[in-house]
C-alpha atoms as a PDB file:
ATOM      1  CA  MET A   1     -41.468 -22.608  -8.215  1.00  0.00           C
ATOM      2  CA  PHE A   2     -43.574 -21.378 -11.131  1.00  0.00           C
ATOM      3  CA  SER A   3     -43.711 -24.089 -13.802  1.00  0.00           C
ATOM      4  CA  ASP A   4     -44.255 -22.097 -17.030  1.00  0.00           C
ATOM      5  CA  SER A   5     -40.977 -22.416 -18.963  1.00  0.00           C
ATOM      6  CA  GLU A   6     -41.760 -19.209 -20.866  1.00  0.00           C
ATOM      7  CA  ALA A   7     -41.947 -17.166 -17.667  1.00  0.00           C
ATOM      8  CA  PHE A   8     -39.056 -15.365 -16.017  1.00  0.00           C
ATOM      9  CA  VAL A   9     -39.386 -16.150 -12.302  1.00  0.00           C
ATOM     10  CA  VAL A  10     -37.478 -14.601  -9.394  1.00  0.00           C
ATOM     11  CA  LYS A  11     -37.686 -16.121  -5.905  1.00  0.00           C
ATOM     12  CA  PHE A  12     -36.266 -14.694  -2.692  1.00  0.00           C
ATOM     13  CA  TRP A  13     -34.682 -17.141  -0.233  1.00  0.00           C
ATOM     14  CA  GLY A  14     -32.742 -14.633   1.891  1.00  0.00           C
ATOM     15  CA  VAL A  15     -33.351 -10.871   2.046  1.00  0.00           C
ATOM     16  CA  ARG A  16     -31.497  -9.702   5.177  1.00  0.00           C
ATOM     17  CA  GLY A  17     -28.077  -8.051   5.241  1.00  0.00           C
ATOM     18  CA  SER A  18     -24.979  -8.230   7.440  1.00  0.00           C
ATOM     19  CA  ILE A  19     -25.953 -11.062   9.828  1.00  0.00           C
ATOM     20  CA  PRO A  20     -28.839 -13.530  10.131  1.00  0.00           C
ATOM     21  CA  SER A  21     -31.580 -12.188  12.356  1.00  0.00           C
ATOM     22  CA  PRO A  22     -34.017 -14.951  13.302  1.00  0.00           C
ATOM     23  CA  GLY A  23     -36.717 -14.444  15.898  1.00  0.00           C
ATOM     24  CA  GLY A  24     -40.264 -13.366  16.501  1.00  0.00           C
ATOM     25  CA  GLU A  25     -39.706  -9.820  15.233  1.00  0.00           C
ATOM     26  CA  THR A  26     -38.504 -10.834  11.748  1.00  0.00           C
ATOM     27  CA  ILE A  27     -41.020 -13.536  10.833  1.00  0.00           C
ATOM     28  CA  ARG A  28     -42.909 -11.637   8.121  1.00  0.00           C
ATOM     29  CA  TYR A  29     -39.877 -10.521   6.118  1.00  0.00           C
ATOM     30  CA  GLY A  30     -37.401 -13.214   7.127  1.00  0.00           C
ATOM     31  CA  GLY A  31     -34.000 -13.307   8.791  1.00  0.00           C
ATOM     32  CA  ASN A  32     -31.799 -15.177   6.295  1.00  0.00           C
ATOM     33  CA  THR A  33     -28.958 -13.406   4.489  1.00  0.00           C
ATOM     34  CA  PRO A  34     -28.970 -12.900   0.711  1.00  0.00           C
ATOM     35  CA  CYS A  35     -29.942 -15.567  -1.770  1.00  0.00           C
ATOM     36  CA  VAL A  36     -32.097 -14.935  -4.862  1.00  0.00           C
ATOM     37  CA  GLU A  37     -33.038 -17.600  -7.406  1.00  0.00           C
ATOM     38  CA  MET A  38     -34.020 -16.913 -11.023  1.00  0.00           C
ATOM     39  CA  GLN A  39     -35.416 -19.371 -13.573  1.00  0.00           C
ATOM     40  CA  VAL A  40     -35.576 -18.350 -17.222  1.00  0.00           C
ATOM     41  CA  CYS A  41     -35.197 -20.117 -20.581  1.00  0.00           C
ATOM     42  CA  GLY A  42     -34.241 -23.396 -18.938  1.00  0.00           C
ATOM     43  CA  GLU A  43     -31.482 -21.738 -16.901  1.00  0.00           C
ATOM     44  CA  ARG A  44     -31.423 -21.838 -13.117  1.00  0.00           C
ATOM     45  CA  LEU A  45     -29.444 -18.919 -11.707  1.00  0.00           C
ATOM     46  CA  ILE A  46     -28.664 -18.279  -8.041  1.00  0.00           C
ATOM     47  CA  PHE A  47     -27.404 -14.932  -6.779  1.00  0.00           C
ATOM     48  CA  ASP A  48     -25.368 -15.018  -3.570  1.00  0.00           C
ATOM     49  CA  ALA A  49     -24.942 -17.794  -1.045  1.00  0.00           C
ATOM     50  CA  GLY A  50     -26.058 -16.279   2.235  1.00  0.00           C
ATOM     51  CA  THR A  51     -27.912 -18.422   4.741  1.00  0.00           C
ATOM     52  CA  GLY A  52     -30.977 -18.426   2.483  1.00  0.00           C
ATOM     53  CA  ILE A  53     -29.219 -20.852   0.130  1.00  0.00           C
ATOM     54  CA  ARG A  54     -29.585 -23.620   2.726  1.00  0.00           C
ATOM     55  CA  CYS A  55     -33.389 -23.497   2.387  1.00  0.00           C
ATOM     56  CA  LEU A  56     -33.096 -23.424  -1.409  1.00  0.00           C
ATOM     57  CA  GLY A  57     -30.787 -26.444  -1.229  1.00  0.00           C
ATOM     58  CA  LYS A  58     -33.295 -28.391   0.848  1.00  0.00           C
ATOM     59  CA  GLN A  59     -35.920 -27.877  -1.867  1.00  0.00           C
ATOM     60  CA  MET A  60     -33.468 -28.823  -4.609  1.00  0.00           C
ATOM     61  CA  MET A  61     -32.633 -32.142  -2.942  1.00  0.00           C
ATOM     62  CA  ALA A  62     -36.140 -33.420  -3.754  1.00  0.00           C
ATOM     63  CA  GLU A  63     -35.748 -32.664  -7.469  1.00  0.00           C
ATOM     64  CA  GLY A  64     -33.164 -35.197  -8.625  1.00  0.00           C
ATOM     65  CA  PRO A  65     -30.035 -34.239 -10.633  1.00  0.00           C
ATOM     66  CA  ILE A  66     -29.507 -30.475 -10.615  1.00  0.00           C
ATOM     67  CA  SER A  67     -27.671 -28.104 -12.916  1.00  0.00           C
ATOM     68  CA  ALA A  68     -27.421 -24.462 -11.880  1.00  0.00           C
ATOM     69  CA  ARG A  69     -25.185 -21.411 -11.936  1.00  0.00           C
ATOM     70  CA  LEU A  70     -24.257 -19.442  -8.798  1.00  0.00           C
ATOM     71  CA  PHE A  71     -23.230 -15.783  -9.100  1.00  0.00           C
ATOM     72  CA  LEU A  72     -21.586 -14.108  -6.108  1.00  0.00           C
ATOM     73  CA  SER A  73     -21.716 -10.353  -5.616  1.00  0.00           C
ATOM     74  CA  HIS A  74     -18.661 -10.459  -3.318  1.00  0.00           C
ATOM     75  CA  TYR A  75     -17.139 -12.477  -0.492  1.00  0.00           C
ATOM     76  CA  HIS A  76     -18.267 -10.785   2.712  1.00  0.00           C
ATOM     77  CA  TRP A  77     -19.578 -13.444   5.060  1.00  0.00           C
ATOM     78  CA  ASP A  78     -23.265 -12.600   4.827  1.00  0.00           C
ATOM     79  CA  HIS A  79     -23.104 -13.415   1.100  1.00  0.00           C
ATOM     80  CA  VAL A  80     -21.170 -16.689   1.277  1.00  0.00           C
ATOM     81  CA  GLN A  81     -21.803 -18.101   4.760  1.00  0.00           C
ATOM     82  CA  GLY A  82     -24.553 -20.430   3.551  1.00  0.00           C
ATOM     83  CA  PHE A  83     -22.414 -22.098   0.889  1.00  0.00           C
ATOM     84  CA  PRO A  84     -20.848 -24.744   3.205  1.00  0.00           C
ATOM     85  CA  PHE A  85     -24.421 -25.776   4.134  1.00  0.00           C
ATOM     86  CA  PHE A  86     -25.681 -26.001   0.532  1.00  0.00           C
ATOM     87  CA  GLU A  87     -26.591 -29.689   0.516  1.00  0.00           C
ATOM     88  CA  PRO A  88     -26.822 -30.238  -3.277  1.00  0.00           C
ATOM     89  CA  ALA A  89     -23.117 -29.364  -3.600  1.00  0.00           C
ATOM     90  CA  PHE A  90     -22.269 -32.572  -1.725  1.00  0.00           C
ATOM     91  CA  THR A  91     -24.197 -34.830  -4.166  1.00  0.00           C
ATOM     92  CA  PRO A  92     -22.122 -36.325  -7.031  1.00  0.00           C
ATOM     93  CA  GLU A  93     -24.718 -36.153  -9.837  1.00  0.00           C
ATOM     94  CA  ASN A  94     -25.259 -32.389  -9.463  1.00  0.00           C
ATOM     95  CA  GLN A  95     -23.448 -29.725 -11.493  1.00  0.00           C
ATOM     96  CA  PHE A  96     -22.779 -26.108 -10.544  1.00  0.00           C
ATOM     97  CA  GLU A  97     -20.904 -23.289 -12.237  1.00  0.00           C
ATOM     98  CA  ILE A  98     -19.821 -20.675  -9.702  1.00  0.00           C
ATOM     99  CA  TYR A  99     -19.005 -17.125 -10.804  1.00  0.00           C
ATOM    100  CA  GLY A 100     -17.323 -14.368  -8.813  1.00  0.00           C
ATOM    101  CA  ALA A 101     -14.911 -11.496  -9.281  1.00  0.00           C
ATOM    102  CA  ILE A 102     -11.201 -11.834  -8.660  1.00  0.00           C
ATOM    103  CA  ALA A 103     -10.588 -10.306  -5.213  1.00  0.00           C
ATOM    104  CA  LEU A 104      -8.401  -7.273  -4.646  1.00  0.00           C
ATOM    105  CA  ASP A 105      -5.607  -9.521  -3.373  1.00  0.00           C
ATOM    106  CA  GLY A 106      -5.735 -11.523  -6.611  1.00  0.00           C
ATOM    107  CA  SER A 107      -7.460 -14.576  -5.150  1.00  0.00           C
ATOM    108  CA  THR A 108      -9.993 -16.434  -7.278  1.00  0.00           C
ATOM    109  CA  VAL A 109     -13.600 -17.322  -6.500  1.00  0.00           C
ATOM    110  CA  GLU A 110     -12.521 -20.911  -5.768  1.00  0.00           C
ATOM    111  CA  GLN A 111      -9.842 -19.718  -3.361  1.00  0.00           C
ATOM    112  CA  ARG A 112     -12.203 -17.347  -1.532  1.00  0.00           C
ATOM    113  CA  LEU A 113     -14.842 -20.040  -1.008  1.00  0.00           C
ATOM    114  CA  GLY A 114     -12.158 -22.515  -0.002  1.00  0.00           C
ATOM    115  CA  LEU A 115     -10.709 -20.222   2.644  1.00  0.00           C
ATOM    116  CA  GLN A 116     -13.945 -20.014   4.627  1.00  0.00           C
ATOM    117  CA  MET A 117     -14.030 -23.834   4.813  1.00  0.00           C
ATOM    118  CA  LEU A 118     -10.529 -24.189   6.241  1.00  0.00           C
ATOM    119  CA  HIS A 119      -9.768 -24.850   9.921  1.00  0.00           C
ATOM    120  CA  PRO A 120     -10.645 -23.190  12.293  1.00  0.00           C
ATOM    121  CA  ASN A 121     -13.687 -21.883  10.391  1.00  0.00           C
ATOM    122  CA  PHE A 122     -15.224 -25.170   9.265  1.00  0.00           C
ATOM    123  CA  PRO A 123     -14.708 -28.912   9.908  1.00  0.00           C
ATOM    124  CA  VAL A 124     -14.411 -30.079   6.265  1.00  0.00           C
ATOM    125  CA  SER A 125     -12.769 -28.565   3.197  1.00  0.00           C
ATOM    126  CA  LEU A 126     -14.245 -27.415  -0.107  1.00  0.00           C
ATOM    127  CA  GLN A 127     -12.850 -30.584  -1.689  1.00  0.00           C
ATOM    128  CA  ILE A 128     -15.379 -32.679   0.281  1.00  0.00           C
ATOM    129  CA  MET A 129     -18.126 -31.310  -1.974  1.00  0.00           C
ATOM    130  CA  ALA A 130     -18.706 -34.196  -4.378  1.00  0.00           C
ATOM    131  CA  SER A 131     -20.766 -32.424  -7.032  1.00  0.00           C
ATOM    132  CA  ASN A 132     -19.204 -31.250 -10.267  1.00  0.00           C
ATOM    133  CA  LEU A 133     -18.100 -27.704  -9.376  1.00  0.00           C
ATOM    134  CA  THR A 134     -16.705 -25.403 -12.054  1.00  0.00           C
ATOM    135  CA  PHE A 135     -15.353 -22.000 -10.989  1.00  0.00           C
ATOM    136  CA  ARG A 136     -15.466 -18.983 -13.296  1.00  0.00           C
ATOM    137  CA  ASP A 137     -13.596 -15.776 -12.472  1.00  0.00           C
ATOM    138  CA  LEU A 138     -15.177 -12.477 -13.498  1.00  0.00           C
ATOM    139  CA  VAL A 139     -14.007  -8.937 -14.043  1.00  0.00           C
ATOM    140  CA  PRO A 140     -16.756  -6.321 -13.497  1.00  0.00           C
ATOM    141  CA  GLY A 141     -17.912  -5.219 -16.922  1.00  0.00           C
ATOM    142  CA  ASP A 142     -17.872  -8.759 -18.342  1.00  0.00           C
ATOM    143  CA  ARG A 143     -20.865  -9.932 -20.397  1.00  0.00           C
ATOM    144  CA  LEU A 144     -21.914 -13.585 -20.501  1.00  0.00           C
ATOM    145  CA  SER A 145     -24.259 -15.324 -22.923  1.00  0.00           C
ATOM    146  CA  LEU A 146     -25.792 -18.492 -21.504  1.00  0.00           C
ATOM    147  CA  GLY A 147     -27.405 -21.166 -23.671  1.00  0.00           C
ATOM    148  CA  ASN A 148     -29.382 -24.296 -22.922  1.00  0.00           C
ATOM    149  CA  SER A 149     -29.812 -27.278 -25.201  1.00  0.00           C
ATOM    150  CA  ARG A 150     -33.583 -27.256 -24.663  1.00  0.00           C
ATOM    151  CA  TYR A 151     -33.779 -23.598 -25.711  1.00  0.00           C
ATOM    152  CA  ASP A 152     -31.381 -23.279 -28.623  1.00  0.00           C
ATOM    153  CA  SER A 153     -32.959 -20.272 -30.337  1.00  0.00           C
ATOM    154  CA  SER A 154     -30.897 -17.084 -30.147  1.00  0.00           C
ATOM    155  CA  ASN A 155     -34.030 -15.357 -28.822  1.00  0.00           C
ATOM    156  CA  ASN A 156     -33.964 -17.668 -25.813  1.00  0.00           C
ATOM    157  CA  ARG A 157     -30.399 -17.086 -24.752  1.00  0.00           C
ATOM    158  CA  VAL A 158     -29.798 -15.442 -21.388  1.00  0.00           C
ATOM    159  CA  LEU A 159     -27.492 -12.433 -21.283  1.00  0.00           C
ATOM    160  CA  ILE A 160     -25.696 -11.570 -18.043  1.00  0.00           C
ATOM    161  CA  GLU A 161     -24.184  -8.094 -17.764  1.00  0.00           C
ATOM    162  CA  THR A 162     -21.968  -7.121 -14.834  1.00  0.00           C
ATOM    163  CA  ALA A 163     -20.896  -3.836 -13.283  1.00  0.00           C
ATOM    164  CA  LEU A 164     -18.635  -2.687 -10.458  1.00  0.00           C
ATOM    165  CA  LEU A 165     -20.497  -1.515  -7.355  1.00  0.00           C
ATOM    166  CA  ASN A 166     -19.355   1.004  -4.741  1.00  0.00           C
ATOM    167  CA  HIS A 167     -18.559  -1.232  -1.767  1.00  0.00           C
ATOM    168  CA  PRO A 168     -15.469  -1.710   0.437  1.00  0.00           C
ATOM    169  CA  GLY A 169     -13.365  -4.358  -1.302  1.00  0.00           C
ATOM    170  CA  GLY A 170     -15.586  -4.182  -4.370  1.00  0.00           C
ATOM    171  CA  ALA A 171     -18.782  -5.947  -5.374  1.00  0.00           C
ATOM    172  CA  VAL A 172     -20.471  -6.940  -8.624  1.00  0.00           C
ATOM    173  CA  GLY A 173     -23.966  -6.059  -9.803  1.00  0.00           C
ATOM    174  CA  TYR A 174     -25.744  -8.306 -12.309  1.00  0.00           C
ATOM    175  CA  ARG A 175     -28.343  -7.710 -15.024  1.00  0.00           C
ATOM    176  CA  VAL A 176     -30.138 -10.800 -16.357  1.00  0.00           C
ATOM    177  CA  SER A 177     -31.887 -10.347 -19.706  1.00  0.00           C
ATOM    178  CA  ALA A 178     -33.901 -12.806 -21.793  1.00  0.00           C
ATOM    179  CA  GLN A 179     -36.853 -12.632 -24.184  1.00  0.00           C
ATOM    180  CA  GLY A 180     -37.007  -8.852 -23.886  1.00  0.00           C
ATOM    181  CA  ARG A 181     -37.216  -8.888 -20.081  1.00  0.00           C
ATOM    182  CA  SER A 182     -34.591  -7.963 -17.513  1.00  0.00           C
ATOM    183  CA  VAL A 183     -33.908  -8.180 -13.774  1.00  0.00           C
ATOM    184  CA  VAL A 184     -31.072  -6.355 -12.003  1.00  0.00           C
ATOM    185  CA  TYR A 185     -29.488  -7.630  -8.785  1.00  0.00           C
ATOM    186  CA  ALA A 186     -27.522  -4.784  -7.192  1.00  0.00           C
ATOM    187  CA  THR A 187     -26.788  -5.317  -3.539  1.00  0.00           C
ATOM    188  CA  ASP A 188     -24.009  -4.012  -1.297  1.00  0.00           C
ATOM    189  CA  THR A 189     -23.497  -0.707  -3.001  1.00  0.00           C
ATOM    190  CA  GLU A 190     -23.300   2.822  -1.627  1.00  0.00           C
ATOM    191  CA  HIS A 191     -24.799   5.767  -3.471  1.00  0.00           C
ATOM    192  CA  TYR A 192     -22.765   8.863  -4.256  1.00  0.00           C
ATOM    193  CA  PRO A 193     -23.674  12.125  -2.498  1.00  0.00           C
ATOM    194  CA  ASN A 194     -24.122  14.274  -5.589  1.00  0.00           C
ATOM    195  CA  ARG A 195     -25.027  11.977  -8.483  1.00  0.00           C
ATOM    196  CA  VAL A 196     -26.562   8.667  -9.464  1.00  0.00           C
ATOM    197  CA  ASP A 197     -23.891   5.987  -9.902  1.00  0.00           C
ATOM    198  CA  PRO A 198     -23.367   5.789 -13.698  1.00  0.00           C
ATOM    199  CA  ASN A 199     -22.535   2.085 -13.509  1.00  0.00           C
ATOM    200  CA  LEU A 200     -25.858   1.370 -11.828  1.00  0.00           C
ATOM    201  CA  LEU A 201     -27.769   3.749 -14.077  1.00  0.00           C
ATOM    202  CA  HIS A 202     -26.572   1.799 -17.108  1.00  0.00           C
ATOM    203  CA  LEU A 203     -27.083  -1.607 -15.490  1.00  0.00           C
ATOM    204  CA  ALA A 204     -30.645  -0.776 -14.415  1.00  0.00           C
ATOM    205  CA  ARG A 205     -31.704   0.992 -17.616  1.00  0.00           C
ATOM    206  CA  GLN A 206     -35.410   0.295 -18.346  1.00  0.00           C
ATOM    207  CA  ALA A 207     -35.236  -2.920 -16.277  1.00  0.00           C
ATOM    208  CA  ASP A 208     -38.425  -4.764 -15.441  1.00  0.00           C
ATOM    209  CA  VAL A 209     -37.207  -5.361 -11.886  1.00  0.00           C
ATOM    210  CA  LEU A 210     -34.449  -3.705  -9.833  1.00  0.00           C
ATOM    211  CA  ILE A 211     -33.405  -5.490  -6.626  1.00  0.00           C
ATOM    212  CA  TYR A 212     -31.444  -2.844  -4.725  1.00  0.00           C
ATOM    213  CA  ASP A 213     -29.499  -2.551  -1.458  1.00  0.00           C
ATOM    214  CA  SER A 214     -31.661  -0.356   0.781  1.00  0.00           C
ATOM    215  CA  THR A 215     -30.131  -1.176   4.150  1.00  0.00           C
ATOM    216  CA  TYR A 216     -30.683   2.225   5.773  1.00  0.00           C
ATOM    217  CA  THR A 217     -33.007   5.164   5.838  1.00  0.00           C
ATOM    218  CA  ASP A 218     -31.545   8.566   4.981  1.00  0.00           C
ATOM    219  CA  ASP A 219     -31.733   9.513   8.673  1.00  0.00           C
ATOM    220  CA  GLU A 220     -29.756   6.446   9.708  1.00  0.00           C
ATOM    221  CA  TYR A 221     -27.211   6.945   6.954  1.00  0.00           C
ATOM    222  CA  HIS A 222     -26.471  10.512   8.093  1.00  0.00           C
ATOM    223  CA  SER A 223     -26.905   9.893  11.833  1.00  0.00           C
ATOM    224  CA  ARG A 224     -24.686  12.034  14.075  1.00  0.00           C
ATOM    225  CA  ARG A 225     -24.630   9.250  16.652  1.00  0.00           C
ATOM    226  CA  CYS A 226     -23.332   6.609  14.219  1.00  0.00           C
ATOM    227  CA  SER A 227     -22.968   7.741  10.630  1.00  0.00           C
ATOM    228  CA  LYS A 228     -23.120   4.965   8.039  1.00  0.00           C
ATOM    229  CA  VAL A 229     -21.284   6.966   5.379  1.00  0.00           C
ATOM    230  CA  GLY A 230     -18.545   4.758   3.944  1.00  0.00           C
ATOM    231  CA  TRP A 231     -20.081   1.493   5.164  1.00  0.00           C
ATOM    232  CA  GLY A 232     -20.912   0.405   1.615  1.00  0.00           C
ATOM    233  CA  HIS A 233     -24.714   0.424   1.713  1.00  0.00           C
ATOM    234  CA  SER A 234     -27.516   2.627   0.459  1.00  0.00           C
ATOM    235  CA  THR A 235     -30.981   3.823   1.516  1.00  0.00           C
ATOM    236  CA  TRP A 236     -34.499   3.275   0.291  1.00  0.00           C
ATOM    237  CA  GLN A 237     -34.717   6.949  -0.681  1.00  0.00           C
ATOM    238  CA  GLU A 238     -31.718   6.520  -2.985  1.00  0.00           C
ATOM    239  CA  ALA A 239     -33.278   3.333  -4.353  1.00  0.00           C
ATOM    240  CA  VAL A 240     -36.303   5.358  -5.464  1.00  0.00           C
ATOM    241  CA  LYS A 241     -34.050   7.955  -7.110  1.00  0.00           C
ATOM    242  CA  LEU A 242     -32.165   5.297  -9.053  1.00  0.00           C
ATOM    243  CA  ALA A 243     -35.309   3.443 -10.105  1.00  0.00           C
ATOM    244  CA  GLN A 244     -36.909   6.625 -11.392  1.00  0.00           C
ATOM    245  CA  ALA A 245     -33.772   7.833 -13.164  1.00  0.00           C
ATOM    246  CA  ALA A 246     -33.296   4.445 -14.868  1.00  0.00           C
ATOM    247  CA  GLY A 247     -36.957   3.997 -15.846  1.00  0.00           C
ATOM    248  CA  VAL A 248     -37.351   0.783 -13.839  1.00  0.00           C
ATOM    249  CA  LYS A 249     -40.799  -0.863 -13.872  1.00  0.00           C
ATOM    250  CA  GLN A 250     -40.653  -2.414 -10.399  1.00  0.00           C
ATOM    251  CA  LEU A 251     -38.322  -1.627  -7.492  1.00  0.00           C
ATOM    252  CA  VAL A 252     -37.584  -4.248  -4.838  1.00  0.00           C
ATOM    253  CA  ILE A 253     -36.212  -3.003  -1.497  1.00  0.00           C
ATOM    254  CA  PHE A 254     -33.568  -5.541  -0.417  1.00  0.00           C
ATOM    255  CA  HIS A 255     -30.770  -6.296   2.095  1.00  0.00           C
ATOM    256  CA  HIS A 256     -32.759  -5.273   5.156  1.00  0.00           C
ATOM    257  CA  ASP A 257     -30.748  -4.134   8.171  1.00  0.00           C
ATOM    258  CA  PRO A 258     -30.752  -6.791  10.938  1.00  0.00           C
ATOM    259  CA  ALA A 259     -32.004  -4.144  13.399  1.00  0.00           C
ATOM    260  CA  HIS A 260     -35.121  -3.460  11.306  1.00  0.00           C
ATOM    261  CA  ASN A 261     -37.989  -5.574  12.599  1.00  0.00           C
ATOM    262  CA  ASP A 262     -41.201  -6.366  10.726  1.00  0.00           C
ATOM    263  CA  ASP A 263     -43.054  -3.285  11.982  1.00  0.00           C
ATOM    264  CA  PHE A 264     -40.172  -1.022  10.967  1.00  0.00           C
ATOM    265  CA  LEU A 265     -40.126  -2.554   7.486  1.00  0.00           C
ATOM    266  CA  ASP A 266     -43.900  -2.156   7.193  1.00  0.00           C
ATOM    267  CA  ASN A 267     -43.407   1.576   7.761  1.00  0.00           C
ATOM    268  CA  VAL A 268     -40.624   1.687   5.171  1.00  0.00           C
ATOM    269  CA  ALA A 269     -42.898  -0.117   2.701  1.00  0.00           C
ATOM    270  CA  ALA A 270     -45.618   2.500   3.132  1.00  0.00           C
ATOM    271  CA  ALA A 271     -43.135   5.349   2.649  1.00  0.00           C
ATOM    272  CA  VAL A 272     -41.575   3.754  -0.439  1.00  0.00           C
ATOM    273  CA  GLN A 273     -44.925   3.103  -2.085  1.00  0.00           C
ATOM    274  CA  GLU A 274     -45.929   6.743  -1.641  1.00  0.00           C
ATOM    275  CA  ARG A 275     -42.936   7.748  -3.775  1.00  0.00           C
ATOM    276  CA  CYS A 276     -42.629   4.809  -6.165  1.00  0.00           C
ATOM    277  CA  MET A 277     -45.758   3.101  -7.452  1.00  0.00           C
ATOM    278  CA  GLY A 278     -45.473  -0.685  -7.576  1.00  0.00           C
ATOM    279  CA  ALA A 279     -42.383  -0.907  -5.352  1.00  0.00           C
ATOM    280  CA  VAL A 280     -42.273  -3.917  -3.022  1.00  0.00           C
ATOM    281  CA  MET A 281     -40.303  -5.022   0.006  1.00  0.00           C
ATOM    282  CA  ALA A 282     -38.310  -8.223  -0.444  1.00  0.00           C
ATOM    283  CA  ARG A 283     -39.637 -11.064   1.723  1.00  0.00           C
ATOM    284  CA  GLU A 284     -38.459 -14.630   2.048  1.00  0.00           C
ATOM    285  CA  GLY A 285     -40.684 -16.771  -0.154  1.00  0.00           C
ATOM    286  CA  MET A 286     -41.741 -13.922  -2.439  1.00  0.00           C
ATOM    287  CA  GLU A 287     -41.845 -14.703  -6.146  1.00  0.00           C
ATOM    288  CA  ILE A 288     -41.896 -12.197  -8.976  1.00  0.00           C
ATOM    289  CA  VAL A 289     -43.221 -13.578 -12.242  1.00  0.00           C
ATOM    290  CA  LEU A 290     -42.317 -11.580 -15.349  1.00  0.00           C
ATOM    291  CA  GLN A 291     -44.726 -12.052 -18.200  1.00  0.00           C
ATOM    292  CA  ARG A 292     -46.089  -8.909 -19.787  1.00  0.00           C
ATOM    293  CA  SER A 293     -45.377  -7.080 -16.541  1.00  0.00           C
ATOM    294  CA  PRO A 294     -43.791  -8.143 -13.233  1.00  0.00           C
ATOM    295  CA  ILE A 295     -46.181  -9.608 -10.675  1.00  0.00           C
ATOM    296  CA  ALA A 296     -45.037 -10.078  -7.076  1.00  0.00           C
ATOM    297  CA  VAL A 297     -46.551 -13.094  -5.313  1.00  0.00           C
ATOM    298  CA  TYR A 298     -45.795 -13.800  -1.653  1.00  0.00           C
ATOM    299  CA  SER A 299     -45.726 -17.323  -0.283  1.00  0.00           C
ATOM    300  CA  PRO A 300     -43.590 -17.927   2.823  1.00  0.00           C
ATOM    301  CA  VAL A 301     -40.612 -20.276   2.660  1.00  0.00           C
ATOM    302  CA  SER A 302     -41.310 -23.381   4.706  1.00  0.00           C
ATOM    303  CA  PRO A 303     -38.877 -23.714   7.624  1.00  0.00           C
ATOM    304  CA  VAL A 304     -36.405 -26.536   7.021  1.00  0.00           C
END
């Protein structure tokens, strides 16, 4: 991870949607489900706990005592299935704050994570995790101001804004802002047919980086054979529309469909870049370093 404490660094540990898709055809982009790490102003933020969080956890275990915050977009399995395999959560000296929206049935983030670790789904319960876990329930629209004792200036505080996304059961989008820079994490959201989602337009306003759910192409979304309308995901074409409408500096195409192999995603990348200068495809191991402008650097995640 980039060592400059003044930089705002984003690293991708899992970029695939719906189900892990390992194999020879997904090597270049990766097959792990969503997990994105951000480091800024002494804060370590993790977005979603798909299978990519296991690789992140392996790296963390070599670092000594860890303090981090985990933000969940929602509780569908591809976004939480890595959490029971997140090794640092089993180590007593580590501390994690875990944020997520109250589910439609009224259950809390702690209850939702606990349910997936109950028999017959998993051999041990959430209570086996020996680290100091603190659970924070969110309501979309909440704003959070995060401070760090090493960075006590008001200019170095990290602001987290949240917004409701258009997804079955609901999902939360996040905007992380600090030192005049901002990154938006907006996955598992479906565009509207006749307008840009006003929640997303506000969340992504003038952002340096927009990480956006681009699971389908327009043709796939409207397919007569198997329409994806109502499935809760968007297309890369709609990603470009949103990025341009919101004045985003760099668009990141994210949440790749498990059926899209590396060659398919290469073709999508070429099409996106024709319409949106500077746009990039999310890859496992890719880092984006925000200084005066975002710079995407690709280095593959080592298999662990």
